[in-house]
Protein backbone atom coordinates (compact mmCIF):
# COMPACT_ATOMS: atom_id res chain seq x y z
CA UNK A 1 -36.89 -4.14 31.62
CA UNK A 2 -39.50 -4.87 28.94
CA UNK A 3 -38.99 -2.60 25.91
CA UNK A 4 -35.55 -1.54 27.07
CA UNK A 5 -32.10 -2.69 25.94
CA UNK A 6 -29.02 -3.23 28.06
CA UNK A 7 -25.77 -1.48 27.16
CA UNK A 8 -23.09 -4.10 26.41
CA UNK A 9 -20.44 -1.82 27.90
CA UNK A 10 -21.79 -0.68 31.26
CA UNK A 11 -24.90 -2.93 31.61
CA UNK A 12 -27.19 0.07 32.02
CA UNK A 13 -30.72 -0.15 30.68
CA UNK A 14 -31.85 2.39 28.12
CA UNK A 15 -34.76 3.00 25.89
CA UNK A 16 -34.05 1.83 22.32
CA UNK A 17 -33.92 4.25 19.44
CA UNK A 18 -37.33 5.14 18.04
CA UNK A 19 -36.01 4.80 14.48
CA UNK A 20 -33.38 2.35 13.35
CA UNK A 21 -31.17 0.06 15.43
CA UNK A 22 -28.54 2.51 16.59
CA UNK A 23 -28.41 3.03 20.35
CA UNK A 24 -26.16 5.37 22.32
CA UNK A 25 -25.65 4.96 26.02
CA UNK A 26 -24.69 7.68 28.50
CA UNK A 27 -21.31 5.94 28.78
CA UNK A 28 -20.71 6.89 25.10
CA UNK A 29 -21.06 3.30 23.91
CA UNK A 30 -22.81 2.99 20.55
CA UNK A 31 -24.30 -0.40 19.76
CA UNK A 32 -26.94 -2.17 17.70
CA UNK A 33 -30.27 -2.46 19.53
CA UNK A 34 -31.05 -5.75 17.79
CA UNK A 35 -27.83 -7.84 17.89
CA UNK A 36 -26.11 -5.85 20.71
CA UNK A 37 -22.87 -5.62 18.72
CA UNK A 38 -20.59 -2.73 19.44
CA UNK A 39 -19.47 -0.50 17.98
CA UNK A 40 -22.69 0.01 16.03
CA UNK A 41 -22.57 -1.48 12.53
CA UNK A 42 -23.56 0.52 9.48
CA UNK A 43 -24.09 -0.66 5.89
CA UNK A 44 -25.11 -4.28 6.62
CA UNK A 45 -27.91 -6.17 8.34
CA UNK A 46 -27.29 -7.99 11.63
CA UNK A 47 -27.45 -11.43 10.00
CA UNK A 48 -24.61 -10.49 7.61
CA UNK A 49 -22.13 -9.30 10.21
CA UNK A 50 -20.86 -12.70 11.39
CA UNK A 51 -19.82 -13.70 7.86
CA UNK A 52 -18.17 -10.34 7.24
CA UNK A 53 -16.27 -10.60 10.53
CA UNK A 54 -15.06 -14.11 9.62
CA UNK A 55 -13.80 -12.93 6.22
CA UNK A 56 -12.12 -9.95 7.83
CA UNK A 57 -10.34 -12.22 10.30
CA UNK A 58 -9.10 -14.34 7.36
CA UNK A 59 -7.92 -11.14 5.67
CA UNK A 60 -6.04 -10.09 8.80
CA UNK A 61 -4.56 -13.56 9.24
CA UNK A 62 -3.03 -14.01 5.78
CA UNK A 63 -5.08 -12.22 3.10
CA UNK A 64 -3.49 -8.84 3.63
CA UNK A 65 0.07 -10.18 3.51
CA UNK A 66 -0.70 -12.28 0.42
CA UNK A 67 -2.11 -9.27 -1.39
CA UNK A 68 0.79 -7.03 -0.37
CA UNK A 69 3.30 -9.57 -1.70
CA UNK A 70 1.40 -9.96 -4.98
CA UNK A 71 0.98 -6.21 -5.34
CA UNK A 72 4.70 -5.69 -4.76
CA UNK A 73 5.50 -8.23 -7.52
CA UNK A 74 3.02 -6.60 -9.89
CA UNK A 75 4.58 -3.22 -9.12
CA UNK A 76 8.09 -4.53 -9.86
CA UNK A 77 6.90 -6.09 -13.14
CA UNK A 78 5.10 -2.88 -14.06
CA UNK A 79 8.15 -0.74 -13.36
CA UNK A 80 10.34 -3.05 -15.47
CA UNK A 81 7.83 -3.00 -18.35
CA UNK A 82 7.58 0.77 -18.06
CA UNK A 83 11.37 1.08 -18.18
CA UNK A 84 11.51 -1.03 -21.36
CA UNK A 85 8.70 1.02 -22.88
CA UNK A 86 10.45 4.32 -22.15
CA UNK A 87 13.76 3.00 -23.49
CA UNK A 88 12.05 1.73 -26.64
CA UNK A 89 10.23 5.00 -27.18
CA UNK A 90 13.44 6.99 -26.68
CA UNK A 91 15.30 4.78 -29.18
CA UNK A 92 12.45 5.10 -31.68
CA UNK A 93 12.41 8.89 -31.38
CA UNK A 94 16.19 8.90 -31.90
CA UNK A 95 15.78 6.76 -35.04
CA UNK A 96 13.11 9.13 -36.34
CA UNK A 97 15.36 12.13 -35.76
CA UNK A 98 18.27 10.40 -37.52
CA UNK A 99 16.03 9.40 -40.43
CA UNK A 100 14.74 12.95 -40.76
CA UNK A 101 18.32 14.23 -40.73
CA UNK A 102 19.23 11.80 -43.52
CA UNK A 103 16.33 13.12 -45.58
CA UNK A 104 17.41 16.72 -45.01
CA UNK A 105 21.04 15.87 -45.87
CA UNK A 106 19.92 14.11 -49.06
CA UNK A 107 17.81 17.09 -50.12
CA UNK A 108 20.62 19.55 -49.43
CA UNK A 109 23.07 17.39 -51.40
CA UNK A 110 20.69 17.17 -54.36
CA UNK A 111 20.16 20.94 -54.36
CA UNK A 112 23.91 21.49 -54.33
CA UNK A 113 24.47 19.07 -57.25
CA UNK A 114 21.73 20.75 -59.26
CA UNK A 115 23.52 24.08 -58.84
CA UNK A 116 27.07 22.82 -59.47
CA UNK A 117 26.99 19.59 -61.51
CA UNK A 118 26.23 18.30 -65.00
CA UNK A 119 25.73 14.77 -66.35
CA UNK A 120 28.36 12.67 -68.07
CA UNK A 121 26.79 11.84 -71.49
CA UNK A 122 28.17 8.29 -71.29
CA UNK A 123 27.58 6.96 -67.74
CA UNK A 124 25.14 9.60 -66.42
CA UNK A 125 27.34 10.29 -63.42
CA UNK A 126 27.11 13.83 -61.97
CA UNK A 127 30.32 15.77 -62.69
CA UNK A 128 31.49 18.96 -61.01
CA UNK A 129 33.46 21.57 -63.00
CA UNK A 130 35.91 23.03 -60.50
CA UNK A 131 38.22 25.13 -62.73
CA UNK A 132 39.96 25.29 -66.09
CA UNK A 133 38.72 25.02 -69.66
CA UNK A 134 35.46 23.59 -71.04
CA UNK A 135 36.98 20.14 -71.73
CA UNK A 136 36.00 17.42 -69.24
CA UNK A 137 36.98 13.78 -68.64
CA UNK A 138 34.64 11.71 -66.48
CA UNK A 139 36.54 10.56 -63.39
CA UNK A 140 39.67 12.77 -63.61
CA UNK A 141 41.01 16.17 -64.49
CA UNK A 142 41.03 16.88 -68.21
CA UNK A 143 44.83 16.90 -68.35
CA UNK A 144 45.22 13.93 -65.97
CA UNK A 145 45.52 13.50 -62.25
CA UNK A 146 42.95 13.71 -59.47
CA UNK A 147 41.61 10.30 -60.47
CA UNK A 148 38.17 9.43 -59.10
CA UNK A 149 35.36 7.07 -59.98
CA UNK A 150 34.21 7.62 -63.57
CA UNK A 151 34.04 6.08 -67.04
CA UNK A 152 36.84 8.20 -68.62
CA UNK A 153 34.52 9.64 -71.29
CA UNK A 154 35.58 13.02 -72.74
CA UNK A 155 32.94 15.72 -73.27
CA UNK A 156 32.41 19.47 -73.22
CA UNK A 157 31.04 20.97 -70.03
CA UNK A 158 29.00 23.63 -71.82
CA UNK A 159 27.11 21.04 -73.85
CA UNK A 160 26.51 18.56 -71.00
CA UNK A 161 23.03 18.15 -69.56
CA UNK A 162 22.28 20.05 -66.34
CA UNK A 163 21.92 17.79 -63.29
CA UNK A 164 18.39 17.85 -61.87
CA UNK A 165 17.78 17.15 -58.20
CA UNK A 166 16.36 13.67 -57.71
CA UNK A 167 13.31 12.92 -55.65
CA UNK A 168 14.26 11.04 -52.53
CA UNK A 169 13.44 7.35 -52.92
CA UNK A 170 11.15 7.60 -49.87
CA UNK A 171 10.00 10.70 -48.11
CA UNK A 172 10.63 9.21 -44.69
CA UNK A 173 13.44 6.65 -44.64
CA UNK A 174 12.54 3.25 -43.27
CA UNK A 175 12.23 3.21 -39.49
CA UNK A 176 10.77 0.27 -37.61
CA UNK A 177 7.29 1.17 -36.39
CA UNK A 178 7.15 1.64 -32.63
CA UNK A 179 4.71 -1.08 -31.62
CA UNK A 180 5.10 -1.19 -27.84
CA UNK A 181 2.08 -0.27 -25.76
CA UNK A 182 2.50 1.70 -22.56
CA UNK A 183 2.03 -0.89 -19.77
CA UNK A 184 -0.86 -0.66 -17.36
CA UNK A 185 -0.67 -1.48 -13.71
CA UNK A 186 -2.79 -4.62 -13.36
CA UNK A 187 -4.39 -3.78 -10.02
CA UNK A 188 -8.10 -3.02 -9.87
CA UNK A 189 -8.90 0.69 -9.73
CA UNK A 190 -12.21 1.60 -8.12
CA UNK A 191 -14.61 4.07 -9.67
CA UNK A 192 -17.83 5.67 -8.55
CA UNK A 193 -20.03 7.55 -10.99
CA UNK A 194 -17.33 7.30 -13.65
CA UNK A 195 -14.76 9.02 -11.42
CA UNK A 196 -11.90 7.44 -9.45
CA UNK A 197 -12.93 6.52 -5.92
CA UNK A 198 -10.52 8.04 -3.42
CA UNK A 199 -9.26 6.29 -0.30
CA UNK A 200 -10.54 8.05 2.83
CA UNK A 201 -7.23 7.30 4.52
CA UNK A 202 -4.60 8.61 2.09
CA UNK A 203 -6.92 10.37 -0.41
CA UNK A 204 -5.20 8.63 -3.34
CA UNK A 205 -7.22 6.72 -5.98
CA UNK A 206 -8.37 3.49 -4.35
CA UNK A 207 -6.61 0.53 -5.96
CA UNK A 208 -6.65 -3.11 -4.96
CA UNK A 209 -9.05 -4.47 -2.35
CA UNK A 210 -11.63 -2.03 -1.03
CA UNK A 211 -12.14 -2.08 2.73
CA UNK A 212 -15.35 -0.51 4.06
CA UNK A 213 -15.53 0.12 7.78
CA UNK A 214 -18.76 -1.31 9.18
CA UNK A 215 -18.52 0.81 12.35
CA UNK A 216 -18.18 4.20 10.64
CA UNK A 217 -20.96 5.93 8.69
CA UNK A 218 -18.67 6.36 5.67
CA UNK A 219 -15.04 5.25 5.57
CA UNK A 220 -13.56 3.25 2.70
CA UNK A 221 -9.84 2.74 2.32
CA UNK A 222 -7.07 0.83 0.57
CA UNK A 223 -5.22 -2.14 2.01
CA UNK A 224 -2.25 -0.05 3.12
CA UNK A 225 -4.44 2.37 5.07
CA UNK A 226 -6.42 -0.49 6.64
CA UNK A 227 -3.11 -1.92 7.87
CA UNK A 228 -2.30 1.51 9.30
CA UNK A 229 -5.70 1.54 11.07
CA UNK A 230 -4.86 -1.75 12.79
CA UNK A 231 -1.59 -0.22 14.01
CA UNK A 232 -3.29 2.97 15.17
CA UNK A 233 -1.35 4.99 12.60
CA UNK A 234 -4.19 6.31 10.45
CA UNK A 235 -5.02 9.91 11.34
CA UNK A 236 -8.39 9.76 9.57
CA UNK A 237 -9.47 6.62 11.46
CA UNK A 238 -8.10 6.56 15.01
CA UNK A 239 -10.21 3.58 16.20
CA UNK A 240 -8.30 0.29 15.97
CA UNK A 241 -11.04 -2.22 16.82
CA UNK A 242 -13.44 -1.63 13.90
CA UNK A 243 -14.42 -4.37 11.46
CA UNK A 244 -13.91 -3.91 7.73
CA UNK A 245 -15.77 -5.54 4.88
CA UNK A 246 -13.21 -6.71 2.32
CA UNK A 247 -14.15 -6.52 -1.37
CA UNK A 248 -11.51 -7.65 -3.83
CA UNK A 249 -12.99 -6.17 -7.04
CA UNK A 250 -15.86 -4.03 -8.25
CA UNK A 251 -17.53 -7.17 -9.67
CA UNK A 252 -17.97 -8.48 -6.11
CA UNK A 253 -20.00 -5.49 -4.99
């Protein structure tokens, strides 16, 4: 049997691959010609596999559940922060609209007074001439009645100064500056070449721990899809017995 390797599935002897470690038996078993592990492992050297398997077992034992619980809490906090942000932005936009309306109302009122009012020579109050003769009394009709706020000074309408529209004290009335920042979901988002890395299971942007299947040439997924793999519920990865390398953040790569 010198120079041959034995299949770990059916115990048949076969000639090892001429290039690389990957061996495929007639029984369809693929294994590593050096360490005899099956299925065949991609990505990593034989000496690294035991450590990766141990970490994956720890992930399956309690790491996955811990992450899922933390992610759920982060998601709840994010949704609450997002709700507050949207409410604050809506209130701010409403304040801006109300402030703009006050400016427009002020301008319209000033234009109207410029067209219809003159200035009391004594107290500088704008006075409207509604009807009657040229004689005016500030704060009431010339012949009494219709008492309003005014100094009571008598003057002639025709000689009174024309009211001029006043500049608004501030172009945009005071509105508290909207200082809230749109919250970000504090879960790592993976990128590759400056673009979001997509999960091969659900095809969504890969967020949270990255799980790379050692027994597939190229399959990387999110924690939710890895859990689905273990349950046999992932259409894009039907095998349930593969080992995944768990990487928590891009800094660990």
